All heavy atoms as atom14 arrays in JSON, in Angstrom:
{
  "sequence": "NNAFFTLSFFDPKWKKQLAHCGAVSGREEDKFAACGFHVAAAGQAPYI",
  "atom14_mask": [
    [1, 1, 1, 1, 1, 1, 1, 1, 0, 0, 0, 0, 0, 0],
    [1, 1, 1, 1, 1, 1, 1, 1, 0, 0, 0, 0, 0, 0],
    [1, 1, 1, 1, 1, 0, 0, 0, 0, 0, 0, 0, 0, 0],
    [1, 1, 1, 1, 1, 1, 1, 1, 1, 1, 1, 0, 0, 0],
    [1, 1, 1, 1, 1, 1, 1, 1, 1, 1, 1, 0, 0, 0],
    [1, 1, 1, 1, 1, 1, 1, 0, 0, 0, 0, 0, 0, 0],
    [1, 1, 1, 1, 1, 1, 1, 1, 0, 0, 0, 0, 0, 0],
    [1, 1, 1, 1, 1, 1, 0, 0, 0, 0, 0, 0, 0, 0],
    [1, 1, 1, 1, 1, 1, 1, 1, 1, 1, 1, 0, 0, 0],
    [1, 1, 1, 1, 1, 1, 1, 1, 1, 1, 1, 0, 0, 0],
    [1, 1, 1, 1, 1, 1, 1, 1, 0, 0, 0, 0, 0, 0],
    [1, 1, 1, 1, 1, 1, 1, 0, 0, 0, 0, 0, 0, 0],
    [1, 1, 1, 1, 1, 1, 1, 1, 1, 0, 0, 0, 0, 0],
    [1, 1, 1, 1, 1, 1, 1, 1, 1, 1, 1, 1, 1, 1],
    [1, 1, 1, 1, 1, 1, 1, 1, 1, 0, 0, 0, 0, 0],
    [1, 1, 1, 1, 1, 1, 1, 1, 1, 0, 0, 0, 0, 0],
    [1, 1, 1, 1, 1, 1, 1, 1, 1, 0, 0, 0, 0, 0],
    [1, 1, 1, 1, 1, 1, 1, 1, 0, 0, 0, 0, 0, 0],
    [1, 1, 1, 1, 1, 0, 0, 0, 0, 0, 0, 0, 0, 0],
    [1, 1, 1, 1, 1, 1, 1, 1, 1, 1, 0, 0, 0, 0],
    [1, 1, 1, 1, 1, 1, 0, 0, 0, 0, 0, 0, 0, 0],
    [1, 1, 1, 1, 0, 0, 0, 0, 0, 0, 0, 0, 0, 0],
    [1, 1, 1, 1, 1, 0, 0, 0, 0, 0, 0, 0, 0, 0],
    [1, 1, 1, 1, 1, 1, 1, 0, 0, 0, 0, 0, 0, 0],
    [1, 1, 1, 1, 1, 1, 0, 0, 0, 0, 0, 0, 0, 0],
    [1, 1, 1, 1, 0, 0, 0, 0, 0, 0, 0, 0, 0, 0],
    [1, 1, 1, 1, 1, 1, 1, 1, 1, 1, 1, 0, 0, 0],
    [1, 1, 1, 1, 1, 1, 1, 1, 1, 0, 0, 0, 0, 0],
    [1, 1, 1, 1, 1, 1, 1, 1, 1, 0, 0, 0, 0, 0],
    [1, 1, 1, 1, 1, 1, 1, 1, 0, 0, 0, 0, 0, 0],
    [1, 1, 1, 1, 1, 1, 1, 1, 1, 0, 0, 0, 0, 0],
    [1, 1, 1, 1, 1, 1, 1, 1, 1, 1, 1, 0, 0, 0],
    [1, 1, 1, 1, 1, 0, 0, 0, 0, 0, 0, 0, 0, 0],
    [1, 1, 1, 1, 1, 0, 0, 0, 0, 0, 0, 0, 0, 0],
    [1, 1, 1, 1, 1, 1, 0, 0, 0, 0, 0, 0, 0, 0],
    [1, 1, 1, 1, 0, 0, 0, 0, 0, 0, 0, 0, 0, 0],
    [1, 1, 1, 1, 1, 1, 1, 1, 1, 1, 1, 0, 0, 0],
    [1, 1, 1, 1, 1, 1, 1, 1, 1, 1, 0, 0, 0, 0],
    [1, 1, 1, 1, 1, 1, 1, 0, 0, 0, 0, 0, 0, 0],
    [1, 1, 1, 1, 1, 0, 0, 0, 0, 0, 0, 0, 0, 0],
    [1, 1, 1, 1, 1, 0, 0, 0, 0, 0, 0, 0, 0, 0],
    [1, 1, 1, 1, 1, 0, 0, 0, 0, 0, 0, 0, 0, 0],
    [1, 1, 1, 1, 0, 0, 0, 0, 0, 0, 0, 0, 0, 0],
    [1, 1, 1, 1, 1, 1, 1, 1, 1, 0, 0, 0, 0, 0],
    [1, 1, 1, 1, 1, 0, 0, 0, 0, 0, 0, 0, 0, 0],
    [1, 1, 1, 1, 1, 1, 1, 0, 0, 0, 0, 0, 0, 0],
    [1, 1, 1, 1, 1, 1, 1, 1, 1, 1, 1, 1, 0, 0],
    [1, 1, 1, 1, 1, 1, 1, 1, 0, 0, 0, 0, 0, 0]
  ],
  "atom14_positions": [
    [[158.88, 81.41, 179.44], [160.18, 80.97, 179.94], [161.36, 81.26, 179.02], [162.48, 80.84, 179.32], [160.12, 79.47, 180.25], [159.18, 79.17, 181.39], [159.1, 79.92, 182.36], [158.44, 78.09, 181.29], [0.0, 0.0, 0.0], [0.0, 0.0, 0.0], [0.0, 0.0, 0.0], [0.0, 0.0, 0.0], [0.0, 0.0, 0.0], [0.0, 0.0, 0.0]],
    [[161.11, 81.95, 177.91], [162.19, 82.22, 176.96], [162.13, 83.66, 176.49], [161.07, 84.27, 176.42], [162.08, 81.26, 175.77], [162.38, 79.84, 176.18], [163.53, 79.44, 176.26], [161.33, 79.07, 176.5], [0.0, 0.0, 0.0], [0.0, 0.0, 0.0], [0.0, 0.0, 0.0], [0.0, 0.0, 0.0], [0.0, 0.0, 0.0], [0.0, 0.0, 0.0]],
    [[163.29, 84.2, 176.14], [163.39, 85.61, 175.74], [163.08, 85.85, 174.27], [162.87, 87.0, 173.87], [164.8, 86.13, 176.05], [0.0, 0.0, 0.0], [0.0, 0.0, 0.0], [0.0, 0.0, 0.0], [0.0, 0.0, 0.0], [0.0, 0.0, 0.0], [0.0, 0.0, 0.0], [0.0, 0.0, 0.0], [0.0, 0.0, 0.0], [0.0, 0.0, 0.0]],
    [[163.02, 84.79, 173.46], [162.83, 84.96, 172.02], [161.64, 84.14, 171.54], [161.3, 83.12, 172.12], [164.08, 84.5, 171.26], [165.3, 85.3, 171.6], [166.16, 84.89, 172.61], [165.59, 86.47, 170.92], [167.29, 85.62, 172.94], [166.72, 87.22, 171.24], [167.57, 86.8, 172.26], [0.0, 0.0, 0.0], [0.0, 0.0, 0.0], [0.0, 0.0, 0.0]],
    [[161.03, 84.6, 170.46], [160.03, 83.83, 169.73], [160.15, 84.18, 168.26], [160.79, 85.18, 167.91], [158.61, 84.08, 170.27], [158.09, 85.49, 170.1], [157.42, 85.89, 168.95], [158.26, 86.42, 171.11], [156.93, 87.18, 168.81], [157.78, 87.72, 170.98], [157.1, 88.09, 169.82], [0.0, 0.0, 0.0], [0.0, 0.0, 0.0], [0.0, 0.0, 0.0]],
    [[159.6, 83.34, 167.43], [159.61, 83.61, 165.99], [158.2, 83.55, 165.43], [157.33, 82.87, 165.96], [160.5, 82.62, 165.21], [160.01, 81.29, 165.4], [161.95, 82.72, 165.64], [0.0, 0.0, 0.0], [0.0, 0.0, 0.0], [0.0, 0.0, 0.0], [0.0, 0.0, 0.0], [0.0, 0.0, 0.0], [0.0, 0.0, 0.0], [0.0, 0.0, 0.0]],
    [[158.02, 84.27, 164.35], [156.8, 84.19, 163.54], [157.22, 83.67, 162.18], [158.07, 84.27, 161.52], [156.15, 85.57, 163.39], [155.76, 86.27, 164.69], [155.11, 87.62, 164.38], [154.84, 85.42, 165.53], [0.0, 0.0, 0.0], [0.0, 0.0, 0.0], [0.0, 0.0, 0.0], [0.0, 0.0, 0.0], [0.0, 0.0, 0.0], [0.0, 0.0, 0.0]],
    [[156.64, 82.53, 161.8], [156.96, 81.92, 160.51], [155.75, 82.03, 159.61], [154.64, 81.66, 159.99], [157.34, 80.44, 160.7], [158.52, 80.32, 161.48], [0.0, 0.0, 0.0], [0.0, 0.0, 0.0], [0.0, 0.0, 0.0], [0.0, 0.0, 0.0], [0.0, 0.0, 0.0], [0.0, 0.0, 0.0], [0.0, 0.0, 0.0], [0.0, 0.0, 0.0]],
    [[155.98, 82.52, 158.39], [154.93, 82.7, 157.4], [155.2, 81.77, 156.22], [156.35, 81.59, 155.82], [154.88, 84.15, 156.93], [154.57, 85.11, 158.04], [155.58, 85.74, 158.75], [153.26, 85.39, 158.38], [155.3, 86.63, 159.78], [152.96, 86.27, 159.41], [153.98, 86.89, 160.11], [0.0, 0.0, 0.0], [0.0, 0.0, 0.0], [0.0, 0.0, 0.0]],
    [[154.14, 81.22, 155.65], [154.25, 80.14, 154.67], [153.52, 80.45, 153.38], [152.56, 81.22, 153.35], [153.65, 78.84, 155.26], [154.37, 78.33, 156.45], [154.17, 78.89, 157.71], [155.27, 77.3, 156.32], [154.86, 78.42, 158.81], [155.96, 76.81, 157.43], [155.75, 77.38, 158.67], [0.0, 0.0, 0.0], [0.0, 0.0, 0.0], [0.0, 0.0, 0.0]],
    [[153.92, 79.74, 152.35], [153.17, 79.7, 151.1], [151.8, 79.12, 151.42], [151.68, 78.23, 152.28], [153.94, 78.81, 150.1], [153.27, 78.77, 148.76], [152.31, 77.97, 148.62], [153.7, 79.51, 147.87], [0.0, 0.0, 0.0], [0.0, 0.0, 0.0], [0.0, 0.0, 0.0], [0.0, 0.0, 0.0], [0.0, 0.0, 0.0], [0.0, 0.0, 0.0]],
    [[150.74, 79.56, 150.74], [149.4, 79.02, 151.01], [149.27, 77.51, 150.89], [148.35, 76.92, 151.48], [148.52, 79.73, 149.97], [149.23, 81.02, 149.71], [150.7, 80.67, 149.79], [0.0, 0.0, 0.0], [0.0, 0.0, 0.0], [0.0, 0.0, 0.0], [0.0, 0.0, 0.0], [0.0, 0.0, 0.0], [0.0, 0.0, 0.0], [0.0, 0.0, 0.0]],
    [[150.18, 76.83, 150.19], [150.09, 75.37, 150.08], [150.24, 74.67, 151.44], [149.91, 73.5, 151.58], [151.13, 74.83, 149.09], [152.57, 74.91, 149.59], [153.56, 74.4, 148.57], [154.98, 74.5, 149.1], [155.97, 74.14, 148.11], [0.0, 0.0, 0.0], [0.0, 0.0, 0.0], [0.0, 0.0, 0.0], [0.0, 0.0, 0.0], [0.0, 0.0, 0.0]],
    [[150.72, 75.38, 152.47], [150.9, 74.82, 153.8], [149.7, 75.08, 154.72], [149.75, 74.79, 155.91], [152.16, 75.4, 154.44], [153.43, 74.97, 153.79], [154.12, 75.65, 152.82], [154.16, 73.78, 154.03], [155.24, 74.95, 152.45], [155.29, 73.79, 153.19], [153.99, 72.71, 154.89], [156.22, 72.76, 153.18], [154.91, 71.68, 154.89], [156.02, 71.72, 154.04]],
    [[148.62, 75.63, 154.18], [147.47, 76.03, 155.01], [146.91, 74.86, 155.84], [146.53, 75.04, 156.99], [146.38, 76.62, 154.12], [145.26, 77.31, 154.86], [145.66, 78.69, 155.32], [144.44, 79.47, 155.74], [144.61, 80.89, 155.73], [0.0, 0.0, 0.0], [0.0, 0.0, 0.0], [0.0, 0.0, 0.0], [0.0, 0.0, 0.0], [0.0, 0.0, 0.0]],
    [[146.87, 73.67, 155.27], [146.36, 72.5, 156.0], [147.21, 72.23, 157.25], [146.68, 71.95, 158.32], [146.33, 71.27, 155.08], [145.8, 70.02, 155.72], [145.78, 68.86, 154.74], [145.38, 67.57, 155.41], [145.47, 66.43, 154.5], [0.0, 0.0, 0.0], [0.0, 0.0, 0.0], [0.0, 0.0, 0.0], [0.0, 0.0, 0.0], [0.0, 0.0, 0.0]],
    [[148.52, 72.33, 157.12], [149.42, 72.1, 158.25], [149.25, 73.2, 159.3], [149.29, 72.92, 160.51], [150.87, 72.01, 157.79], [151.19, 70.73, 157.02], [150.89, 70.84, 155.53], [150.18, 71.72, 155.06], [151.44, 69.9, 154.77], [0.0, 0.0, 0.0], [0.0, 0.0, 0.0], [0.0, 0.0, 0.0], [0.0, 0.0, 0.0], [0.0, 0.0, 0.0]],
    [[149.08, 74.44, 158.86], [148.87, 75.52, 159.82], [147.55, 75.32, 160.56], [147.48, 75.57, 161.77], [148.91, 76.88, 159.13], [150.31, 77.51, 159.05], [151.22, 76.76, 158.12], [150.21, 78.96, 158.66], [0.0, 0.0, 0.0], [0.0, 0.0, 0.0], [0.0, 0.0, 0.0], [0.0, 0.0, 0.0], [0.0, 0.0, 0.0], [0.0, 0.0, 0.0]],
    [[146.52, 74.87, 159.86], [145.23, 74.57, 160.52], [145.42, 73.48, 161.56], [144.88, 73.56, 162.68], [144.18, 74.18, 159.49], [0.0, 0.0, 0.0], [0.0, 0.0, 0.0], [0.0, 0.0, 0.0], [0.0, 0.0, 0.0], [0.0, 0.0, 0.0], [0.0, 0.0, 0.0], [0.0, 0.0, 0.0], [0.0, 0.0, 0.0], [0.0, 0.0, 0.0]],
    [[146.21, 72.47, 161.24], [146.48, 71.38, 162.19], [147.18, 71.92, 163.43], [146.82, 71.56, 164.57], [147.32, 70.3, 161.51], [147.58, 69.13, 162.4], [146.67, 68.12, 162.6], [148.67, 68.82, 163.17], [147.17, 67.23, 163.43], [148.39, 67.63, 163.8], [0.0, 0.0, 0.0], [0.0, 0.0, 0.0], [0.0, 0.0, 0.0], [0.0, 0.0, 0.0]],
    [[148.17, 72.78, 163.24], [148.92, 73.34, 164.37], [148.05, 74.23, 165.26], [148.38, 74.46, 166.42], [150.14, 74.12, 163.88], [151.45, 73.06, 163.25], [0.0, 0.0, 0.0], [0.0, 0.0, 0.0], [0.0, 0.0, 0.0], [0.0, 0.0, 0.0], [0.0, 0.0, 0.0], [0.0, 0.0, 0.0], [0.0, 0.0, 0.0], [0.0, 0.0, 0.0]],
    [[146.95, 74.71, 164.73], [146.02, 75.5, 165.53], [144.97, 74.66, 166.22], [144.31, 75.12, 167.16], [0.0, 0.0, 0.0], [0.0, 0.0, 0.0], [0.0, 0.0, 0.0], [0.0, 0.0, 0.0], [0.0, 0.0, 0.0], [0.0, 0.0, 0.0], [0.0, 0.0, 0.0], [0.0, 0.0, 0.0], [0.0, 0.0, 0.0], [0.0, 0.0, 0.0]],
    [[144.8, 73.42, 165.78], [143.74, 72.57, 166.32], [144.24, 71.53, 167.32], [143.45, 71.01, 168.11], [143.03, 71.86, 165.17], [0.0, 0.0, 0.0], [0.0, 0.0, 0.0], [0.0, 0.0, 0.0], [0.0, 0.0, 0.0], [0.0, 0.0, 0.0], [0.0, 0.0, 0.0], [0.0, 0.0, 0.0], [0.0, 0.0, 0.0], [0.0, 0.0, 0.0]],
    [[145.53, 71.22, 167.29], [146.09, 70.16, 168.12], [147.12, 70.77, 169.07], [147.9, 71.63, 168.68], [146.75, 69.07, 167.24], [147.45, 68.03, 168.07], [145.71, 68.43, 166.33], [0.0, 0.0, 0.0], [0.0, 0.0, 0.0], [0.0, 0.0, 0.0], [0.0, 0.0, 0.0], [0.0, 0.0, 0.0], [0.0, 0.0, 0.0], [0.0, 0.0, 0.0]],
    [[147.14, 70.29, 170.3], [148.11, 70.78, 171.27], [149.42, 70.0, 171.16], [149.42, 68.78, 170.96], [147.56, 70.61, 172.69], [148.56, 70.94, 173.64], [0.0, 0.0, 0.0], [0.0, 0.0, 0.0], [0.0, 0.0, 0.0], [0.0, 0.0, 0.0], [0.0, 0.0, 0.0], [0.0, 0.0, 0.0], [0.0, 0.0, 0.0], [0.0, 0.0, 0.0]],
    [[150.51, 70.73, 171.34], [151.82, 70.1, 171.41], [151.99, 69.22, 172.64], [152.93, 68.44, 172.72], [0.0, 0.0, 0.0], [0.0, 0.0, 0.0], [0.0, 0.0, 0.0], [0.0, 0.0, 0.0], [0.0, 0.0, 0.0], [0.0, 0.0, 0.0], [0.0, 0.0, 0.0], [0.0, 0.0, 0.0], [0.0, 0.0, 0.0], [0.0, 0.0, 0.0]],
    [[151.07, 69.33, 173.59], [151.09, 68.43, 174.74], [150.68, 67.02, 174.31], [151.04, 66.05, 174.95], [150.1, 68.89, 175.81], [150.47, 70.13, 176.55], [149.42, 70.43, 177.64], [149.59, 71.75, 178.2], [148.88, 72.82, 177.86], [147.91, 72.72, 176.99], [149.13, 73.97, 178.43], [0.0, 0.0, 0.0], [0.0, 0.0, 0.0], [0.0, 0.0, 0.0]],
    [[149.89, 66.95, 173.24], [149.31, 65.67, 172.8], [150.08, 64.99, 171.68], [149.97, 63.78, 171.53], [147.86, 65.91, 172.33], [146.97, 66.46, 173.42], [145.68, 67.04, 172.89], [145.39, 66.92, 171.67], [144.94, 67.62, 173.7], [0.0, 0.0, 0.0], [0.0, 0.0, 0.0], [0.0, 0.0, 0.0], [0.0, 0.0, 0.0], [0.0, 0.0, 0.0]],
    [[150.8, 65.74, 170.89], [151.54, 65.15, 169.78], [152.69, 66.05, 169.36], [152.72, 67.23, 169.69], [150.63, 64.89, 168.57], [150.29, 66.12, 167.76], [149.59, 65.81, 166.45], [148.84, 64.82, 166.35], [149.78, 66.59, 165.5], [0.0, 0.0, 0.0], [0.0, 0.0, 0.0], [0.0, 0.0, 0.0], [0.0, 0.0, 0.0], [0.0, 0.0, 0.0]],
    [[153.6, 65.48, 168.62], [154.7, 66.24, 168.01], [154.15, 66.85, 166.73], [154.08, 66.2, 165.69], [155.87, 65.3, 167.73], [157.05, 66.01, 167.1], [156.91, 67.17, 166.65], [158.13, 65.39, 167.04], [0.0, 0.0, 0.0], [0.0, 0.0, 0.0], [0.0, 0.0, 0.0], [0.0, 0.0, 0.0], [0.0, 0.0, 0.0], [0.0, 0.0, 0.0]],
    [[153.72, 68.11, 166.83], [153.12, 68.78, 165.67], [154.12, 68.96, 164.54], [153.75, 68.95, 163.37], [152.55, 70.14, 166.07], [151.36, 70.03, 167.0], [150.62, 71.33, 167.15], [151.25, 72.27, 168.11], [150.41, 73.45, 168.38], [0.0, 0.0, 0.0], [0.0, 0.0, 0.0], [0.0, 0.0, 0.0], [0.0, 0.0, 0.0], [0.0, 0.0, 0.0]],
    [[155.39, 69.12, 164.88], [156.41, 69.29, 163.85], [156.46, 68.05, 162.96], [156.4, 68.15, 161.73], [157.78, 69.56, 164.48], [157.82, 70.8, 165.33], [157.8, 70.7, 166.72], [157.87, 72.06, 164.75], [157.83, 71.84, 167.51], [157.89, 73.2, 165.53], [157.87, 73.09, 166.91], [0.0, 0.0, 0.0], [0.0, 0.0, 0.0], [0.0, 0.0, 0.0]],
    [[156.54, 66.88, 163.57], [156.59, 65.63, 162.82], [155.28, 65.4, 162.06], [155.3, 65.0, 160.89], [156.87, 64.46, 163.75], [0.0, 0.0, 0.0], [0.0, 0.0, 0.0], [0.0, 0.0, 0.0], [0.0, 0.0, 0.0], [0.0, 0.0, 0.0], [0.0, 0.0, 0.0], [0.0, 0.0, 0.0], [0.0, 0.0, 0.0], [0.0, 0.0, 0.0]],
    [[154.15, 65.67, 162.71], [152.85, 65.44, 162.08], [152.66, 66.29, 160.82], [151.98, 65.87, 159.89], [151.73, 65.72, 163.08], [0.0, 0.0, 0.0], [0.0, 0.0, 0.0], [0.0, 0.0, 0.0], [0.0, 0.0, 0.0], [0.0, 0.0, 0.0], [0.0, 0.0, 0.0], [0.0, 0.0, 0.0], [0.0, 0.0, 0.0], [0.0, 0.0, 0.0]],
    [[153.28, 67.47, 160.81], [153.11, 68.39, 159.68], [154.28, 68.37, 158.7], [154.24, 69.06, 157.68], [152.91, 69.81, 160.21], [151.35, 70.02, 161.09], [0.0, 0.0, 0.0], [0.0, 0.0, 0.0], [0.0, 0.0, 0.0], [0.0, 0.0, 0.0], [0.0, 0.0, 0.0], [0.0, 0.0, 0.0], [0.0, 0.0, 0.0], [0.0, 0.0, 0.0]],
    [[155.31, 67.59, 159.0], [156.48, 67.56, 158.13], [157.35, 68.79, 158.26], [158.06, 69.17, 157.33], [0.0, 0.0, 0.0], [0.0, 0.0, 0.0], [0.0, 0.0, 0.0], [0.0, 0.0, 0.0], [0.0, 0.0, 0.0], [0.0, 0.0, 0.0], [0.0, 0.0, 0.0], [0.0, 0.0, 0.0], [0.0, 0.0, 0.0], [0.0, 0.0, 0.0]],
    [[157.31, 69.43, 159.43], [158.11, 70.62, 159.68], [159.43, 70.25, 160.35], [159.5, 69.28, 161.1], [157.37, 71.6, 160.6], [156.17, 72.28, 159.98], [155.06, 72.56, 160.75], [156.16, 72.65, 158.65], [153.96, 73.21, 160.21], [155.07, 73.29, 158.09], [153.96, 73.56, 158.88], [0.0, 0.0, 0.0], [0.0, 0.0, 0.0], [0.0, 0.0, 0.0]],
    [[160.44, 71.07, 160.1], [161.76, 70.89, 160.7], [162.14, 72.17, 161.42], [161.97, 73.27, 160.88], [162.79, 70.55, 159.62], [162.46, 69.29, 158.9], [161.67, 69.27, 157.77], [162.77, 68.01, 159.18], [161.53, 68.02, 157.37], [162.18, 67.23, 158.21], [0.0, 0.0, 0.0], [0.0, 0.0, 0.0], [0.0, 0.0, 0.0], [0.0, 0.0, 0.0]],
    [[162.66, 72.03, 162.62], [163.05, 73.18, 163.43], [164.48, 73.56, 163.1], [165.37, 72.71, 163.03], [162.92, 72.86, 164.94], [163.39, 74.03, 165.79], [161.47, 72.5, 165.29], [0.0, 0.0, 0.0], [0.0, 0.0, 0.0], [0.0, 0.0, 0.0], [0.0, 0.0, 0.0], [0.0, 0.0, 0.0], [0.0, 0.0, 0.0], [0.0, 0.0, 0.0]],
    [[164.68, 74.85, 162.91], [166.01, 75.42, 162.72], [166.2, 76.48, 163.8], [165.27, 76.77, 164.56], [166.14, 76.04, 161.32], [0.0, 0.0, 0.0], [0.0, 0.0, 0.0], [0.0, 0.0, 0.0], [0.0, 0.0, 0.0], [0.0, 0.0, 0.0], [0.0, 0.0, 0.0], [0.0, 0.0, 0.0], [0.0, 0.0, 0.0], [0.0, 0.0, 0.0]],
    [[167.39, 77.04, 163.87], [167.67, 78.03, 164.91], [168.25, 79.3, 164.33], [169.1, 79.26, 163.44], [168.63, 77.45, 165.94], [0.0, 0.0, 0.0], [0.0, 0.0, 0.0], [0.0, 0.0, 0.0], [0.0, 0.0, 0.0], [0.0, 0.0, 0.0], [0.0, 0.0, 0.0], [0.0, 0.0, 0.0], [0.0, 0.0, 0.0], [0.0, 0.0, 0.0]],
    [[167.77, 80.4, 164.84], [168.37, 81.71, 164.59], [168.87, 82.17, 165.95], [168.1, 82.69, 166.76], [167.34, 82.68, 164.03], [0.0, 0.0, 0.0], [0.0, 0.0, 0.0], [0.0, 0.0, 0.0], [0.0, 0.0, 0.0], [0.0, 0.0, 0.0], [0.0, 0.0, 0.0], [0.0, 0.0, 0.0], [0.0, 0.0, 0.0], [0.0, 0.0, 0.0]],
    [[170.11, 81.89, 166.23], [170.62, 82.13, 167.59], [169.91, 81.19, 168.54], [169.88, 79.98, 168.33], [0.0, 0.0, 0.0], [0.0, 0.0, 0.0], [0.0, 0.0, 0.0], [0.0, 0.0, 0.0], [0.0, 0.0, 0.0], [0.0, 0.0, 0.0], [0.0, 0.0, 0.0], [0.0, 0.0, 0.0], [0.0, 0.0, 0.0], [0.0, 0.0, 0.0]],
    [[169.25, 81.76, 169.55], [168.51, 80.96, 170.53], [167.06, 80.72, 170.12], [166.34, 80.03, 170.83], [168.52, 81.69, 171.88], [169.89, 81.93, 172.45], [169.81, 82.83, 173.68], [168.93, 82.68, 174.51], [170.74, 83.75, 173.77], [0.0, 0.0, 0.0], [0.0, 0.0, 0.0], [0.0, 0.0, 0.0], [0.0, 0.0, 0.0], [0.0, 0.0, 0.0]],
    [[166.62, 81.3, 169.03], [165.21, 81.26, 168.65], [164.92, 80.16, 167.64], [165.52, 80.11, 166.56], [164.8, 82.61, 168.06], [0.0, 0.0, 0.0], [0.0, 0.0, 0.0], [0.0, 0.0, 0.0], [0.0, 0.0, 0.0], [0.0, 0.0, 0.0], [0.0, 0.0, 0.0], [0.0, 0.0, 0.0], [0.0, 0.0, 0.0], [0.0, 0.0, 0.0]],
    [[163.99, 79.25, 167.96], [163.61, 78.21, 167.01], [162.64, 78.74, 165.96], [161.79, 79.6, 166.26], [162.92, 77.16, 167.9], [162.35, 77.96, 169.02], [163.29, 79.11, 169.25], [0.0, 0.0, 0.0], [0.0, 0.0, 0.0], [0.0, 0.0, 0.0], [0.0, 0.0, 0.0], [0.0, 0.0, 0.0], [0.0, 0.0, 0.0], [0.0, 0.0, 0.0]],
    [[162.76, 78.27, 164.74], [161.8, 78.61, 163.68], [161.6, 77.42, 162.77], [162.31, 76.42, 162.88], [162.24, 79.86, 162.9], [163.45, 79.67, 162.01], [163.31, 79.27, 160.68], [164.74, 79.92, 162.48], [164.42, 79.11, 159.86], [165.85, 79.77, 161.66], [165.67, 79.36, 160.35], [166.77, 79.21, 159.54], [0.0, 0.0, 0.0], [0.0, 0.0, 0.0]],
    [[160.65, 77.52, 161.88], [160.29, 76.41, 160.99], [160.98, 76.6, 159.64], [160.77, 77.6, 158.96], [158.75, 76.34, 160.78], [157.99, 76.47, 162.09], [158.38, 75.08, 160.01], [158.21, 75.38, 163.07], [0.0, 0.0, 0.0], [0.0, 0.0, 0.0], [0.0, 0.0, 0.0], [0.0, 0.0, 0.0], [0.0, 0.0, 0.0], [0.0, 0.0, 0.0]]
  ]
}
């Protein structure tokens, strides 16, 4: 439903949070809050 997407790459210290984002659905929880991530914008595209 959107024209843009982002790919965010992290320092290895964030590996646990990335594993969580792969194991839990955003339908079930706010993964951003659970992982301590904050959404920013590059134009219309959200990124971490």
